[in-house]
Amino acid sequence: MDMEIITKSNPLNTIYKKSMKILYIGTPHNHDLWKEGKNPSHWLYGACEMEEDGHEVIWEQEKYNMFHDLNLIRQYNPDIIFIPNLNLQAHKLLLLLAAFNGIKIPIFAYLHHAPNTNSRIKQRLYQLLLKGVKHLFFLSELTMQESIEGRYVQKGKCSVPGWGADEKFFTQITQHNSNTFVSTGKEQRDFDILIEAFQKTGAPLKIITCRSHAGNNFEDLPKRCKDIPNIDVTITENSGEVYPLMIRAMADAKALVCPLRQDKLNYCVGLSTIVDAEGLRKPLIITQNPYHSKERIQSFHVVKTLEDWIEAIHDIQTSNEEIPITHYGMQKCYKTMKTIMKLEDR
């Protein structure tokens, strides 16, 4: 497929730029929600921007089937394969073939967690699998550093493009500030410290989370909080369909809160809430996580102890904080990805 480009200075000078066929393997339902205006594009890690840029994106579901990726390649014959959240187990045959040049289609992927194993055999296997990826994108400098130091990936084959908020989505959100703090997360959340901090301060808190996630069960939260008048709990389905409910609550919030379990800080958990706070330009209280860069969180309240939480709540209640415009954003991130993937030259 070709895109016809006519320059303004010379309308007769027609250039043909090749449009790439990009096979996205992830969660295509998020693309449907984005098209309906319910969810932001950053949930798809640049694939929406590829489509808006004129490339043909084929939206396919990731499956734990050894031959699934190969069947998709035979069906679509793509120019590029893009995996937004690389699971080595789900794509091991594809990556092995690519590592030995059995598949010459370039693979680009986001690696959310650094590989971690004490087994020498597994370490060698992960190194081999990741050799099949042309370039790895990371969400965190520390995750990338750990992957390089573990010899899972070469320094020249990875980067942190600056994943961030879909600016177009957030500029369409109407905000009405209230006095309520809002927690919308589900991943490795420490609701114990959150509830205690808001019990002590009396500040209004709204918790929106799901019944369970990654072995953590939150079904008892409404019962725990029913006699605490300043805390309201909403339990939702674990689905992208509920994001409109969450974004409405966040848009009307005084501030966002992100309490993280300190025994689970081995990746950039909490980054999605940082991105929401950046997109809405809302104050944020978040547990200190070494996988969040100092530059990324310098505008927010970073806490560790119960006393830190109480102090941060009081600070936000007694001031009118203005959150500066962030340097991070999905459209800017895509420009970096686009250069690395050589989409602009094809």
Protein backbone atom coordinates (compact mmCIF):
# COMPACT_ATOMS: atom_id res chain seq x y z
CA MET A 1 0.00 0.00 0.00
CA ASP A 2 1.35 3.46 -0.85
CA MET A 3 0.52 6.85 0.61
CA GLU A 4 0.50 9.67 -1.93
CA ILE A 5 2.15 12.82 -0.60
CA ILE A 6 1.90 16.08 -2.54
CA THR A 7 4.14 18.87 -1.29
CA LYS A 8 2.60 22.34 -0.86
CA SER A 9 5.50 24.05 -2.60
CA ASN A 10 5.16 21.86 -5.67
CA PRO A 11 1.74 20.20 -5.92
CA LEU A 12 2.79 18.26 -9.00
CA ASN A 13 5.75 16.71 -7.21
CA THR A 14 4.12 13.49 -6.04
CA ILE A 15 6.12 11.24 -3.72
CA TYR A 16 5.14 7.74 -2.82
CA LYS A 17 5.89 6.67 0.74
CA LYS A 18 5.53 2.99 1.53
CA SER A 19 2.92 2.12 4.12
CA MET A 20 4.01 -0.77 6.32
CA LYS A 21 1.92 -3.77 7.28
CA ILE A 22 2.39 -4.11 11.04
CA LEU A 23 1.21 -7.18 12.93
CA TYR A 24 0.20 -6.17 16.45
CA ILE A 25 0.00 -9.13 18.85
CA GLY A 26 -1.51 -8.15 22.17
CA THR A 27 -4.98 -7.12 23.33
CA PRO A 28 -6.92 -5.82 20.29
CA HIS A 29 -10.04 -5.15 22.37
CA ASN A 30 -8.21 -2.10 23.73
CA HIS A 31 -8.08 -0.82 20.15
CA ASP A 32 -11.85 -1.12 19.90
CA LEU A 33 -12.23 0.85 23.14
CA TRP A 34 -9.82 3.51 21.85
CA LYS A 35 -11.80 3.88 18.61
CA GLU A 36 -14.96 4.37 20.71
CA GLY A 37 -13.21 7.13 22.66
CA LYS A 38 -13.38 5.18 25.93
CA ASN A 39 -9.68 4.52 26.50
CA PRO A 40 -6.43 6.39 25.67
CA SER A 41 -4.05 5.28 22.94
CA HIS A 42 -1.13 4.73 25.31
CA TRP A 43 -2.74 1.44 26.37
CA LEU A 44 -1.59 0.15 22.96
CA TYR A 45 1.98 1.48 23.25
CA GLY A 46 2.22 3.33 19.94
CA ALA A 47 0.22 1.01 17.68
CA CYS A 48 -2.67 3.50 17.40
CA GLU A 49 -0.19 6.18 16.32
CA MET A 50 1.21 3.79 13.72
CA GLU A 51 -2.30 3.44 12.32
CA GLU A 52 -2.90 7.19 12.40
CA ASP A 53 0.42 7.61 10.61
CA GLY A 54 -1.00 5.73 7.63
CA HIS A 55 0.37 2.26 8.29
CA GLU A 56 -1.78 -0.86 8.12
CA VAL A 57 -1.99 -2.31 11.62
CA ILE A 58 -3.37 -5.84 11.93
CA TRP A 59 -4.87 -6.27 15.38
CA GLU A 60 -4.47 -9.81 16.74
CA GLN A 61 -4.88 -11.38 20.19
CA GLU A 62 -1.87 -12.89 21.96
CA LYS A 63 -2.37 -16.61 22.67
CA TYR A 64 -0.43 -19.27 24.56
CA ASN A 65 -0.23 -21.51 21.52
CA MET A 66 3.19 -22.37 20.15
CA PHE A 67 2.14 -22.06 16.51
CA HIS A 68 -0.22 -19.08 16.85
CA ASP A 69 2.39 -16.47 15.85
CA LEU A 70 3.53 -18.52 12.85
CA ASN A 71 -0.06 -18.95 11.66
CA LEU A 72 -0.53 -15.16 11.85
CA ILE A 73 2.65 -14.60 9.83
CA ARG A 74 1.49 -17.04 7.15
CA GLN A 75 -1.94 -15.41 7.08
CA TYR A 76 -0.84 -11.76 6.86
CA ASN A 77 2.82 -11.73 5.70
CA PRO A 78 3.58 -8.55 7.69
CA ASP A 79 6.53 -6.21 7.26
CA ILE A 80 6.94 -5.74 11.03
CA ILE A 81 5.78 -7.55 14.17
CA PHE A 82 4.97 -5.37 17.20
CA ILE A 83 4.35 -6.86 20.65
CA PRO A 84 3.31 -4.27 23.29
CA ASN A 85 3.95 -6.48 26.35
CA LEU A 86 6.42 -9.23 25.57
CA ASN A 87 5.72 -12.53 27.29
CA LEU A 88 8.61 -14.86 26.49
CA GLN A 89 6.58 -18.02 27.10
CA ALA A 90 3.79 -16.96 24.73
CA HIS A 91 6.22 -16.17 21.87
CA LYS A 92 9.08 -18.61 22.41
CA LEU A 93 8.85 -20.38 19.02
CA LEU A 94 8.62 -17.07 17.15
CA LEU A 95 11.62 -15.66 19.03
CA LEU A 96 13.70 -18.82 18.62
CA LEU A 97 13.14 -18.87 14.88
CA ALA A 98 13.95 -15.16 14.67
CA ALA A 99 17.12 -15.67 16.72
CA PHE A 100 18.37 -18.25 14.20
CA ASN A 101 17.19 -16.18 11.18
CA GLY A 102 14.41 -18.65 10.46
CA ILE A 103 12.11 -15.62 10.44
CA LYS A 104 13.52 -12.42 8.96
CA ILE A 105 10.58 -10.14 9.80
CA PRO A 106 11.82 -7.54 12.33
CA ILE A 107 10.24 -7.86 15.78
CA PHE A 108 9.85 -4.83 18.03
CA ALA A 109 8.49 -5.21 21.55
CA TYR A 110 8.04 -3.61 24.96
CA LEU A 111 9.60 -5.58 27.82
CA HIS A 112 7.82 -4.59 31.05
CA HIS A 113 9.87 -6.73 33.46
CA ALA A 114 13.55 -7.63 33.44
CA PRO A 115 14.00 -11.42 33.21
CA ASN A 116 14.73 -12.85 36.63
CA THR A 117 15.89 -16.39 37.24
CA ASN A 118 18.48 -18.25 39.31
CA SER A 119 18.60 -21.07 36.80
CA ARG A 120 21.58 -20.96 34.44
CA ILE A 121 19.63 -22.90 31.82
CA LYS A 122 16.66 -20.51 31.93
CA GLN A 123 18.98 -17.52 31.82
CA ARG A 124 20.60 -18.85 28.66
CA LEU A 125 17.18 -19.57 27.16
CA TYR A 126 15.94 -16.03 27.88
CA GLN A 127 19.11 -14.58 26.36
CA LEU A 128 18.54 -16.66 23.25
CA LEU A 129 14.86 -15.70 22.99
CA LEU A 130 15.56 -11.99 23.34
CA LYS A 131 18.20 -12.26 20.64
CA GLY A 132 15.25 -12.71 18.27
CA VAL A 133 13.95 -9.21 18.95
CA LYS A 134 15.34 -6.47 16.73
CA HIS A 135 14.76 -3.76 19.35
CA LEU A 136 13.33 -3.76 22.87
CA PHE A 137 11.50 -0.78 24.31
CA PHE A 138 11.44 -0.33 28.08
CA LEU A 139 9.17 1.61 30.45
CA SER A 140 11.94 2.13 33.01
CA GLU A 141 15.63 2.99 32.82
CA LEU A 142 16.31 0.64 35.75
CA THR A 143 14.53 -2.29 34.08
CA MET A 144 16.62 -1.71 30.96
CA GLN A 145 19.81 -1.44 33.01
CA GLU A 146 19.05 -4.72 34.80
CA SER A 147 18.36 -6.46 31.49
CA ILE A 148 21.66 -5.22 30.04
CA GLU A 149 23.66 -6.12 33.16
CA GLY A 150 22.06 -9.58 33.16
CA ARG A 151 23.27 -9.96 29.56
CA TYR A 152 19.75 -10.56 28.36
CA VAL A 153 19.97 -7.80 25.78
CA GLN A 154 22.69 -5.70 24.17
CA LYS A 155 22.80 -1.99 24.97
CA GLY A 156 22.47 -1.02 21.32
CA LYS A 157 19.25 -3.00 20.90
CA CYS A 158 17.14 -1.28 23.57
CA SER A 159 15.82 2.11 24.64
CA VAL A 160 13.36 3.94 26.90
CA PRO A 161 11.25 5.99 24.46
CA GLY A 162 9.27 7.81 27.19
CA TRP A 163 5.89 6.07 27.29
CA GLY A 164 3.29 8.58 28.43
CA ALA A 165 -0.23 9.93 28.23
CA ASP A 166 -2.32 10.20 25.08
CA GLU A 167 -2.54 14.00 24.98
CA LYS A 168 -5.41 13.99 22.48
CA PHE A 169 -7.52 11.85 24.82
CA PHE A 170 -6.88 13.90 27.96
CA THR A 171 -7.53 17.29 26.32
CA GLN A 172 -11.11 16.14 25.71
CA ILE A 173 -11.73 15.39 29.40
CA THR A 174 -13.73 18.02 31.29
CA GLN A 175 -12.53 18.40 34.86
CA HIS A 176 -14.47 19.48 37.98
CA ASN A 177 -12.25 19.68 41.03
CA SER A 178 -13.57 18.37 44.34
CA ASN A 179 -12.02 17.65 47.74
CA THR A 180 -11.88 13.89 47.14
CA PHE A 181 -8.70 11.84 46.72
CA VAL A 182 -9.04 8.96 44.25
CA SER A 183 -7.30 5.57 44.02
CA THR A 184 -8.01 3.58 40.85
CA GLY A 185 -5.28 0.94 40.81
CA LYS A 186 -5.33 -2.82 41.25
CA GLU A 187 -1.74 -3.92 40.72
CA GLN A 188 0.23 -4.70 43.92
CA ARG A 189 -1.71 -2.12 45.93
CA ASP A 190 -1.20 -1.53 49.66
CA PHE A 191 -4.70 -0.61 50.78
CA ASP A 192 -3.78 -1.12 54.44
CA ILE A 193 -1.58 1.96 54.65
CA LEU A 194 -3.98 3.93 52.44
CA ILE A 195 -7.00 3.24 54.65
CA GLU A 196 -5.06 4.00 57.83
CA ALA A 197 -3.74 7.30 56.47
CA PHE A 198 -7.19 8.50 55.43
CA GLN A 199 -8.76 7.29 58.67
CA LYS A 200 -6.30 9.45 60.57
CA THR A 201 -6.68 12.54 58.38
CA GLY A 202 -10.42 12.31 57.73
CA ALA A 203 -9.86 13.42 54.12
CA PRO A 204 -12.43 12.06 51.65
CA LEU A 205 -11.16 9.05 49.68
CA LYS A 206 -12.73 7.10 46.82
CA ILE A 207 -11.24 3.68 46.02
CA ILE A 208 -12.07 2.07 42.68
CA THR A 209 -10.55 -1.37 42.21
CA CYS A 210 -11.40 -4.89 41.06
CA ARG A 211 -12.26 -8.02 43.05
CA SER A 212 -8.83 -9.57 42.66
CA HIS A 213 -5.61 -9.20 40.69
CA ALA A 214 -2.40 -11.25 40.55
CA GLY A 215 -3.25 -13.20 43.70
CA ASN A 216 -4.41 -10.15 45.67
CA ASN A 217 -8.05 -10.25 46.75
CA PHE A 218 -9.86 -6.96 47.40
CA GLU A 219 -13.43 -8.20 47.85
CA ASP A 220 -13.39 -7.40 51.57
CA LEU A 221 -12.59 -3.70 51.07
CA PRO A 222 -16.23 -2.50 51.16
CA LYS A 223 -16.79 -4.39 54.42
CA ARG A 224 -13.56 -3.04 55.92
CA CYS A 225 -14.50 0.53 55.08
CA LYS A 226 -18.27 0.51 55.68
CA ASP A 227 -17.91 2.21 59.09
CA ILE A 228 -15.37 4.76 57.88
CA PRO A 229 -17.54 7.69 56.68
CA ASN A 230 -14.86 9.43 54.62
CA ILE A 231 -13.91 6.35 52.55
CA ASP A 232 -16.03 5.07 49.66
CA VAL A 233 -15.19 1.82 47.85
CA THR A 234 -16.36 0.70 44.41
CA ILE A 235 -15.52 -2.83 43.25
CA THR A 236 -15.56 -3.25 39.46
CA GLU A 237 -14.89 -5.96 36.92
CA ASN A 238 -11.24 -6.50 35.96
CA SER A 239 -11.75 -5.05 32.50
CA GLY A 240 -10.76 -2.13 30.31
CA GLU A 241 -14.47 -1.39 29.99
CA VAL A 242 -14.47 0.35 33.40
CA TYR A 243 -11.88 3.00 32.49
CA PRO A 244 -14.54 5.64 31.64
CA LEU A 245 -15.80 5.30 35.24
CA MET A 246 -12.28 5.68 36.58
CA ILE A 247 -11.31 8.62 34.37
CA ARG A 248 -14.46 10.47 35.41
CA ALA A 249 -13.59 10.00 39.09
CA MET A 250 -9.96 11.00 38.51
CA ALA A 251 -10.95 14.08 36.50
CA ASP A 252 -13.11 15.30 39.37
CA ALA A 253 -10.58 14.47 42.09
CA LYS A 254 -8.57 16.77 44.31
CA ALA A 255 -5.63 14.41 43.80
CA LEU A 256 -4.77 10.84 42.82
CA VAL A 257 -3.22 8.32 45.21
CA CYS A 258 -1.18 5.22 44.41
CA PRO A 259 -0.25 3.06 47.43
CA LEU A 260 2.17 0.30 46.42
CA ARG A 261 3.26 -2.81 48.30
CA GLN A 262 6.88 -2.23 49.27
CA ASP A 263 7.65 -5.95 48.99
CA LYS A 264 6.66 -5.93 45.30
CA LEU A 265 8.72 -3.03 43.96
CA ASN A 266 10.69 -5.02 41.41
CA TYR A 267 9.34 -3.28 38.30
CA CYS A 268 7.69 0.02 37.37
CA VAL A 269 4.32 -0.77 39.00
CA GLY A 270 2.32 2.44 39.43
CA LEU A 271 3.47 3.99 36.15
CA SER A 272 -0.06 3.92 34.66
CA THR A 273 -1.30 6.08 37.54
CA ILE A 274 1.63 8.47 37.02
CA VAL A 275 0.57 8.74 33.37
CA ASP A 276 -3.04 9.44 34.40
CA ALA A 277 -1.84 12.18 36.78
CA GLU A 278 0.37 13.67 34.05
CA GLY A 279 -2.46 13.57 31.50
CA LEU A 280 -4.94 15.22 33.88
CA ARG A 281 -2.27 17.42 35.52
CA LYS A 282 -3.48 16.30 38.94
CA PRO A 283 -1.46 16.10 42.17
CA LEU A 284 -0.39 12.56 43.02
CA ILE A 285 0.73 10.76 46.17
CA ILE A 286 2.67 7.62 45.28
CA THR A 287 4.82 5.11 47.12
CA GLN A 288 8.53 5.46 46.39
CA ASN A 289 9.56 2.99 43.69
CA PRO A 290 13.16 2.87 42.41
CA TYR A 291 11.84 1.96 38.96
CA HIS A 292 10.30 5.44 38.62
CA SER A 293 12.94 7.95 37.56
CA LYS A 294 13.50 11.03 39.73
CA GLU A 295 12.70 13.24 36.75
CA ARG A 296 9.39 11.47 36.23
CA ILE A 297 8.11 11.89 39.79
CA GLN A 298 9.68 15.21 40.80
CA SER A 299 6.33 17.05 40.54
CA PHE A 300 4.53 14.56 42.81
CA HIS A 301 4.45 13.58 46.49
CA VAL A 302 6.65 10.48 46.89
CA VAL A 303 6.01 8.67 50.19
CA LYS A 304 7.23 5.67 52.11
CA THR A 305 5.87 5.71 55.67
CA LEU A 306 2.44 6.33 57.20
CA GLU A 307 3.72 9.70 58.42
CA ASP A 308 4.74 10.58 54.85
CA TRP A 309 1.22 9.78 53.67
CA ILE A 310 -0.43 11.94 56.32
CA GLU A 311 1.91 14.85 55.60
CA ALA A 312 1.30 14.62 51.83
CA ILE A 313 -2.49 14.53 52.31
CA HIS A 314 -2.34 17.66 54.51
CA ASP A 315 -0.05 19.44 52.02
CA ILE A 316 -2.47 18.86 49.14
CA GLN A 317 -5.51 19.82 51.23
CA THR A 318 -3.98 23.14 52.24
CA SER A 319 -2.58 24.23 48.88
CA ASN A 320 -3.60 24.68 45.28
CA GLU A 321 -0.87 22.79 43.47
CA GLU A 322 -0.27 23.38 39.78
CA ILE A 323 1.24 20.37 38.06
CA PRO A 324 3.52 21.45 35.18
CA ILE A 325 3.07 20.10 31.69
CA THR A 326 4.99 16.84 31.44
CA HIS A 327 7.81 16.13 29.00
CA TYR A 328 6.33 12.65 28.46
CA GLY A 329 3.50 11.76 26.10
CA MET A 330 2.40 9.00 23.74
CA GLN A 331 2.68 11.11 20.59
CA LYS A 332 6.24 12.17 21.52
CA CYS A 333 7.06 8.57 22.48
CA TYR A 334 5.83 7.36 19.09
CA LYS A 335 8.13 9.78 17.28
CA THR A 336 11.09 8.14 19.03
CA MET A 337 9.76 4.66 18.27
CA LYS A 338 9.11 5.62 14.68
CA THR A 339 12.75 6.58 14.14
CA ILE A 340 14.02 3.36 15.74
CA MET A 341 11.58 1.21 13.77
CA LYS A 342 12.50 3.17 10.61
CA LEU A 343 8.83 3.70 9.81
CA GLU A 344 9.54 7.20 8.50
CA ASP A 345 12.05 5.91 5.93
CA ARG A 346 9.99 3.08 4.52
